[in-house]
């Protein structure tokens, strides 16, 4: 078997580093940094939807209060 030249050794070294980084990014089946980022994005989206629902409910409540106040004020 022939010996590797310097370029081949550097490529193999870089591939080993890349494999390690990809393992950290993707995880080993239990989820890596990418899976954690997806979970955080899902939680953020859920909180955003709740905030929008709360704002919509508050606007309806304020509209009902304003209509009731106007009706009471006219009498």
Protein backbone atom coordinates (compact mmCIF):
# COMPACT_ATOMS: atom_id res chain seq x y z
CA UNK A 1 0.00 0.00 0.00
CA UNK A 2 1.36 3.38 -0.88
CA UNK A 3 1.75 6.22 1.61
CA UNK A 4 -0.59 9.20 1.52
CA UNK A 5 0.79 12.45 0.35
CA UNK A 6 0.36 15.66 2.36
CA UNK A 7 -2.73 16.74 0.42
CA UNK A 8 -4.54 13.44 0.97
CA UNK A 9 -3.71 13.51 4.67
CA UNK A 10 -5.09 17.05 4.95
CA UNK A 11 -8.28 16.05 3.12
CA UNK A 12 -8.83 13.09 5.46
CA UNK A 13 -8.19 15.31 8.46
CA UNK A 14 -10.68 17.90 7.21
CA UNK A 15 -13.27 15.19 6.54
CA UNK A 16 -12.87 13.90 10.09
CA UNK A 17 -13.47 17.38 11.44
CA UNK A 18 -16.49 17.80 9.15
CA UNK A 19 -17.92 14.47 10.29
CA UNK A 20 -17.57 15.53 13.92
CA UNK A 21 -19.24 18.88 13.24
CA UNK A 22 -22.11 17.26 11.32
CA UNK A 23 -22.60 14.78 14.15
CA UNK A 24 -22.92 17.68 16.58
CA UNK A 25 -25.29 19.52 14.28
CA UNK A 26 -27.56 16.60 13.43
CA UNK A 27 -27.16 14.59 16.62
CA UNK A 28 -26.79 10.90 17.15
CA UNK A 29 -30.47 10.01 17.00
CA UNK A 30 -31.53 11.94 20.09
CA UNK A 31 -31.37 15.27 18.29
CA UNK A 32 -28.59 17.72 17.87
CA UNK A 33 -28.38 21.47 17.64
CA UNK A 34 -30.61 21.52 14.57
CA UNK A 35 -33.38 19.60 16.35
CA UNK A 36 -33.09 21.96 19.33
CA UNK A 37 -33.40 24.95 16.99
CA UNK A 38 -36.54 23.42 15.45
CA UNK A 39 -38.05 22.91 18.92
CA UNK A 40 -37.27 26.52 19.84
CA UNK A 41 -38.86 27.77 16.61
CA UNK A 42 -41.99 25.68 17.27
CA UNK A 43 -42.29 27.13 20.80
CA UNK A 44 -41.79 30.64 19.44
CA UNK A 45 -44.47 30.13 16.78
CA UNK A 46 -46.86 28.74 19.40
CA UNK A 47 -46.27 31.73 21.69
CA UNK A 48 -46.75 34.11 18.76
CA UNK A 49 -50.09 32.48 17.88
CA UNK A 50 -51.22 32.77 21.50
CA UNK A 51 -50.27 36.45 21.58
CA UNK A 52 -52.21 37.10 18.37
CA UNK A 53 -55.26 35.27 19.78
CA UNK A 54 -55.05 37.27 23.01
CA UNK A 55 -54.81 40.55 21.06
CA UNK A 56 -57.83 39.58 18.96
CA UNK A 57 -59.87 38.68 22.05
CA UNK A 58 -58.90 41.95 23.75
CA UNK A 59 -59.90 43.98 20.69
CA UNK A 60 -63.31 42.29 20.62
CA UNK A 61 -63.74 42.89 24.36
CA UNK A 62 -62.81 46.55 24.02
CA UNK A 63 -65.20 46.95 21.08
CA UNK A 64 -68.06 45.42 23.12
CA UNK A 65 -67.25 47.70 26.06
CA UNK A 66 -67.20 50.74 23.77
CA UNK A 67 -70.56 49.80 22.20
CA UNK A 68 -72.07 49.26 25.65
CA UNK A 69 -70.70 52.58 26.89
CA UNK A 70 -72.06 54.44 23.84
CA UNK A 71 -75.49 52.80 24.27
CA UNK A 72 -75.52 53.70 27.98
CA UNK A 73 -74.35 57.25 27.28
CA UNK A 74 -77.13 57.93 24.74
CA UNK A 75 -79.90 57.10 27.22
